[in-house]
Amino acid sequence: MCMKLLIKALIILAAVAGCNGLEHAGQGPGDPLSTATTADMRNILGDVTVSRPYSRYLYRMKRVDGGEGESGVVSMAQGGDENMKLVVAGGELRIMPEESFRRSYNWETSSSDRVPFGGGYAAGGRLAIIPGLYTPVDLCPSWFPSNADVSVDERCNLLVRMKSVYENETQRLVAFMDAKSKLEGLTCEVLGTFQTVPQLKKLVTTLRKEGKYNHEHHYVLRLSWSSTYALVAISREGGRQ
């Protein structure tokens, strides 16, 4: 399946599911641009109301008669594509279509053509905007050692692997012990595992409904260096962060 058809299929599924479904749609693993950023991960793990824009959005526009329209991708870093731009306006995204695109869909734009950062509908419900994310990335506490990568096993034991190459084994051992010392005195709990951003969103939603999640001290680490990730709750002795 080509990438354009894949994008259309995902957005159609989201539209059928409704606005709540928009939060769980995303692109497939074949596109590296669908990888989340650190800021995206903070959005997913944060409050129910998203406080900042995601890095990338998918859109689908229907025709006035409800027929199939166009779809595409808008990168916030690049400012938009040939059809539209998404601009931060206060706590929302203002939709700014190109004139030719607007005319071809008989779209009378107004100041109300805005959607929340988490995505939504505009143009009288004909335009769907959803975060275009699929592949997660690690999200570690800021006080984790900067010279080491950290993973976690199923029992929430932290696994440390040095990033740098050292001149000799002694230097490597000293750096390793220093990194390990920064990870002492922690409490750690694995709340669930996942492989994709939609799976993570579903996990967080479920934990919230069960009263087991309040978005404080929650992070994402690889599970034993694999392609699977773990949602973990981590805190230090005395509540220090």
Protein backbone atom coordinates (compact mmCIF):
# COMPACT_ATOMS: atom_id res chain seq x y z
CA MET A 1 0.00 0.00 0.00
CA CYS A 2 1.44 3.41 -0.92
CA MET A 3 1.97 6.01 1.79
CA LYS A 4 -0.80 8.34 0.53
CA LEU A 5 -3.37 5.55 0.65
CA LEU A 6 -2.15 4.57 4.13
CA ILE A 7 -2.63 8.12 5.38
CA LYS A 8 -6.16 8.21 3.94
CA ALA A 9 -7.07 4.87 5.48
CA LEU A 10 -5.91 5.94 8.93
CA ILE A 11 -7.78 9.24 8.82
CA ILE A 12 -10.96 7.56 7.58
CA LEU A 13 -10.80 5.16 10.53
CA ALA A 14 -10.35 8.09 12.90
CA ALA A 15 -13.30 9.95 11.39
CA VAL A 16 -15.56 6.92 11.80
CA ALA A 17 -14.55 6.60 15.44
CA GLY A 18 -15.29 10.26 16.21
CA CYS A 19 -13.21 12.91 17.96
CA ASN A 20 -12.07 10.53 20.71
CA GLY A 21 -10.80 8.25 17.98
CA LEU A 22 -8.58 11.03 16.69
CA GLU A 23 -6.38 10.64 19.73
CA HIS A 24 -5.58 7.04 18.84
CA ALA A 25 -5.03 7.25 15.10
CA GLY A 26 -1.57 7.53 13.59
CA GLN A 27 0.68 6.55 10.75
CA GLY A 28 2.36 3.21 10.16
CA PRO A 29 5.93 2.27 10.99
CA GLY A 30 7.18 2.66 7.41
CA ASP A 31 7.56 6.42 7.71
CA PRO A 32 10.42 7.66 9.95
CA LEU A 33 8.77 11.08 10.15
CA SER A 34 6.01 9.51 12.22
CA THR A 35 8.46 9.11 15.11
CA ALA A 36 7.44 11.15 18.16
CA THR A 37 9.64 13.85 19.65
CA THR A 38 10.38 14.28 23.35
CA ALA A 39 7.79 17.09 23.46
CA ASP A 40 5.24 14.76 21.83
CA MET A 41 5.88 12.17 24.53
CA ARG A 42 5.37 14.79 27.26
CA ASN A 43 2.04 15.65 25.64
CA ILE A 44 0.94 12.03 25.69
CA LEU A 45 1.94 11.49 29.32
CA GLY A 46 0.71 14.88 30.54
CA ASP A 47 -2.72 16.25 31.41
CA VAL A 48 -5.83 15.17 29.53
CA THR A 49 -5.88 18.61 27.89
CA VAL A 50 -2.81 18.87 25.64
CA SER A 51 -0.89 22.05 26.47
CA ARG A 52 1.41 22.30 23.42
CA PRO A 53 1.21 21.31 19.75
CA TYR A 54 2.40 17.95 18.49
CA SER A 55 5.24 17.93 15.97
CA ARG A 56 3.18 16.52 13.10
CA TYR A 57 -0.47 16.29 12.08
CA LEU A 58 -2.45 14.36 9.47
CA TYR A 59 -5.50 15.93 7.82
CA ARG A 60 -8.38 14.80 5.61
CA MET A 61 -10.83 17.08 3.85
CA LYS A 62 -14.25 15.89 2.63
CA ARG A 63 -16.17 17.44 -0.22
CA VAL A 64 -19.45 19.27 0.35
CA ASP A 65 -21.41 16.20 -0.83
CA GLY A 66 -19.53 14.01 1.63
CA GLY A 67 -17.37 12.44 -1.07
CA GLU A 68 -13.70 11.54 -0.74
CA GLY A 69 -11.38 14.55 -0.62
CA GLU A 70 -7.68 15.15 -0.10
CA SER A 71 -5.37 14.19 2.74
CA GLY A 72 -1.86 15.10 3.73
CA VAL A 73 0.71 15.76 6.42
CA VAL A 74 1.57 19.03 8.15
CA SER A 75 4.87 19.31 9.99
CA MET A 76 4.85 22.08 12.59
CA ALA A 77 8.60 22.55 12.10
CA GLN A 78 8.21 23.09 8.36
CA GLY A 79 5.11 25.23 8.70
CA GLY A 80 2.67 23.28 6.50
CA ASP A 81 2.24 21.70 3.07
CA GLU A 82 0.90 22.83 -0.30
CA ASN A 83 -2.68 22.86 0.99
CA MET A 84 -2.59 24.44 4.43
CA LYS A 85 -0.67 25.62 7.46
CA LEU A 86 -1.34 25.09 11.15
CA VAL A 87 -0.37 28.04 13.33
CA VAL A 88 -0.36 28.20 17.12
CA ALA A 89 -2.96 30.70 18.30
CA GLY A 90 -3.15 30.83 22.08
CA GLY A 91 -4.04 27.34 23.26
CA GLU A 92 -5.27 26.14 19.86
CA LEU A 93 -4.18 25.52 16.27
CA ARG A 94 -5.45 28.02 13.71
CA ILE A 95 -6.05 26.41 10.31
CA MET A 96 -4.84 28.50 7.37
CA PRO A 97 -5.70 26.87 4.01
CA GLU A 98 -4.18 27.90 0.70
CA GLU A 99 -6.66 29.88 -1.40
CA SER A 100 -6.88 27.29 -4.20
CA PHE A 101 -7.48 24.51 -1.69
CA ARG A 102 -10.18 26.52 0.10
CA ARG A 103 -11.99 27.35 -3.15
CA SER A 104 -11.90 23.78 -4.47
CA TYR A 105 -13.83 22.65 -1.38
CA ASN A 106 -16.19 25.64 -1.12
CA TRP A 107 -14.77 26.30 2.31
CA GLU A 108 -15.70 29.64 3.84
CA THR A 109 -13.04 30.06 6.49
CA SER A 110 -13.52 32.05 9.67
CA SER A 111 -11.79 32.77 12.96
CA SER A 112 -13.56 29.69 14.36
CA ASP A 113 -11.56 27.36 12.11
CA ARG A 114 -9.39 26.17 14.96
CA VAL A 115 -8.82 22.85 16.71
CA PRO A 116 -7.28 21.88 20.07
CA PHE A 117 -3.64 20.77 20.12
CA GLY A 118 -4.92 17.21 20.54
CA GLY A 119 -6.75 17.38 17.19
CA GLY A 120 -10.37 17.71 16.14
CA TYR A 121 -12.72 18.78 13.35
CA ALA A 122 -13.19 22.05 11.46
CA ALA A 123 -14.89 23.35 8.31
CA GLY A 124 -18.30 22.22 9.52
CA GLY A 125 -17.00 18.79 10.39
CA ARG A 126 -15.54 18.15 6.92
CA LEU A 127 -11.88 18.59 7.95
CA ALA A 128 -10.25 16.14 10.38
CA ILE A 129 -6.93 17.02 12.04
CA ILE A 130 -5.09 14.34 14.05
CA PRO A 131 -1.57 13.95 15.52
CA GLY A 132 0.51 12.00 12.98
CA LEU A 133 2.61 9.92 15.38
CA TYR A 134 3.35 6.21 15.50
CA THR A 135 6.83 5.36 16.81
CA PRO A 136 7.56 6.27 20.47
CA VAL A 137 10.89 7.39 21.93
CA ASP A 138 12.37 7.21 25.43
CA LEU A 139 11.29 9.84 27.93
CA CYS A 140 13.59 9.83 30.97
CA PRO A 141 13.75 11.99 34.11
CA SER A 142 15.99 15.04 33.65
CA TRP A 143 18.22 13.82 36.49
CA PHE A 144 19.12 10.54 34.75
CA PRO A 145 22.87 10.30 33.92
CA SER A 146 23.59 12.10 30.64
CA ASN A 147 26.50 9.79 29.77
CA ALA A 148 24.43 6.60 29.78
CA ASP A 149 21.40 5.01 28.16
CA VAL A 150 18.94 3.41 30.57
CA SER A 151 16.54 0.56 29.96
CA VAL A 152 14.31 -1.40 32.34
CA ASP A 153 13.42 -5.07 32.71
CA GLU A 154 10.00 -6.54 33.53
CA ARG A 155 10.68 -6.20 37.28
CA CYS A 156 11.64 -2.55 36.84
CA ASN A 157 15.34 -3.12 37.44
CA LEU A 158 17.22 -0.34 35.65
CA LEU A 159 19.77 -1.45 33.05
CA VAL A 160 22.65 0.88 32.23
CA ARG A 161 24.69 1.08 29.03
CA MET A 162 27.40 3.72 28.52
CA LYS A 163 27.08 6.05 25.53
CA SER A 164 30.75 7.02 25.16
CA VAL A 165 33.82 5.00 24.20
CA TYR A 166 36.56 5.30 26.83
CA GLU A 167 40.33 5.01 26.42
CA ASN A 168 40.63 2.19 28.90
CA GLU A 169 38.56 -0.10 31.08
CA THR A 170 39.30 1.89 34.23
CA GLN A 171 37.76 5.08 32.81
CA ARG A 172 34.77 3.13 31.60
CA LEU A 173 34.28 1.52 35.03
CA VAL A 174 34.51 4.87 36.83
CA ALA A 175 31.95 6.42 34.47
CA PHE A 176 29.68 3.39 34.86
CA MET A 177 29.81 3.52 38.67
CA ASP A 178 29.09 7.26 38.61
CA ALA A 179 26.04 6.67 36.40
CA LYS A 180 24.82 3.84 38.64
CA SER A 181 25.17 6.02 41.75
CA LYS A 182 22.75 8.57 40.26
CA LEU A 183 20.16 5.81 39.93
CA GLU A 184 20.37 4.57 43.50
CA GLY A 185 17.50 4.95 45.96
CA LEU A 186 14.74 4.84 43.35
CA THR A 187 11.29 3.35 43.47
CA CYS A 188 10.21 1.98 40.09
CA GLU A 189 7.02 0.33 38.83
CA VAL A 190 6.16 -0.92 35.35
CA LEU A 191 2.57 0.12 34.56
CA GLY A 192 2.36 -1.52 31.15
CA THR A 193 4.19 -2.18 27.91
CA PHE A 194 3.58 -1.08 24.32
CA GLN A 195 5.23 -0.72 20.91
CA THR A 196 3.39 2.18 19.26
CA VAL A 197 2.15 5.65 20.20
CA PRO A 198 -1.54 4.64 19.78
CA GLN A 199 -0.95 1.74 22.17
CA LEU A 200 0.65 4.11 24.69
CA LYS A 201 -2.30 6.52 24.45
CA LYS A 202 -4.72 3.67 25.03
CA LEU A 203 -2.68 2.47 28.04
CA VAL A 204 -2.63 5.94 29.62
CA THR A 205 -6.38 6.37 29.03
CA THR A 206 -7.11 3.01 30.67
CA LEU A 207 -4.90 3.76 33.69
CA ARG A 208 -6.60 7.14 34.15
CA LYS A 209 -10.04 5.51 34.15
CA GLU A 210 -8.83 3.03 36.76
CA GLY A 211 -7.45 5.85 38.93
CA LYS A 212 -3.88 4.56 38.60
CA TYR A 213 -2.40 7.49 36.69
CA ASN A 214 -1.94 11.17 37.52
CA HIS A 215 0.88 11.96 35.00
CA GLU A 216 3.41 12.84 37.72
CA HIS A 217 6.73 10.93 37.73
CA HIS A 218 5.73 8.79 34.74
CA TYR A 219 8.26 8.04 32.03
CA VAL A 220 8.95 5.78 29.06
CA LEU A 221 11.95 3.42 28.81
CA ARG A 222 12.82 0.58 26.47
CA LEU A 223 12.07 -2.85 27.86
CA SER A 224 15.41 -4.71 28.12
CA TRP A 225 16.82 -2.84 25.09
CA SER A 226 14.12 -4.29 22.79
CA SER A 227 11.66 -2.61 20.40
CA THR A 228 9.04 -2.80 23.18
CA TYR A 229 8.66 0.13 25.57
CA ALA A 230 7.53 0.29 29.19
CA LEU A 231 5.47 2.99 30.87
CA VAL A 232 7.07 3.35 34.29
CA ALA A 233 6.51 5.33 37.48
CA ILE A 234 9.85 6.47 38.91
CA SER A 235 10.60 8.57 41.98
CA ARG A 236 13.60 9.16 44.23
CA GLU A 237 13.90 8.85 47.99
CA GLY A 238 12.25 11.73 49.82
CA GLY A 239 10.27 12.68 46.71
CA ARG A 240 13.27 14.46 45.17
CA GLN A 241 12.92 15.06 41.43
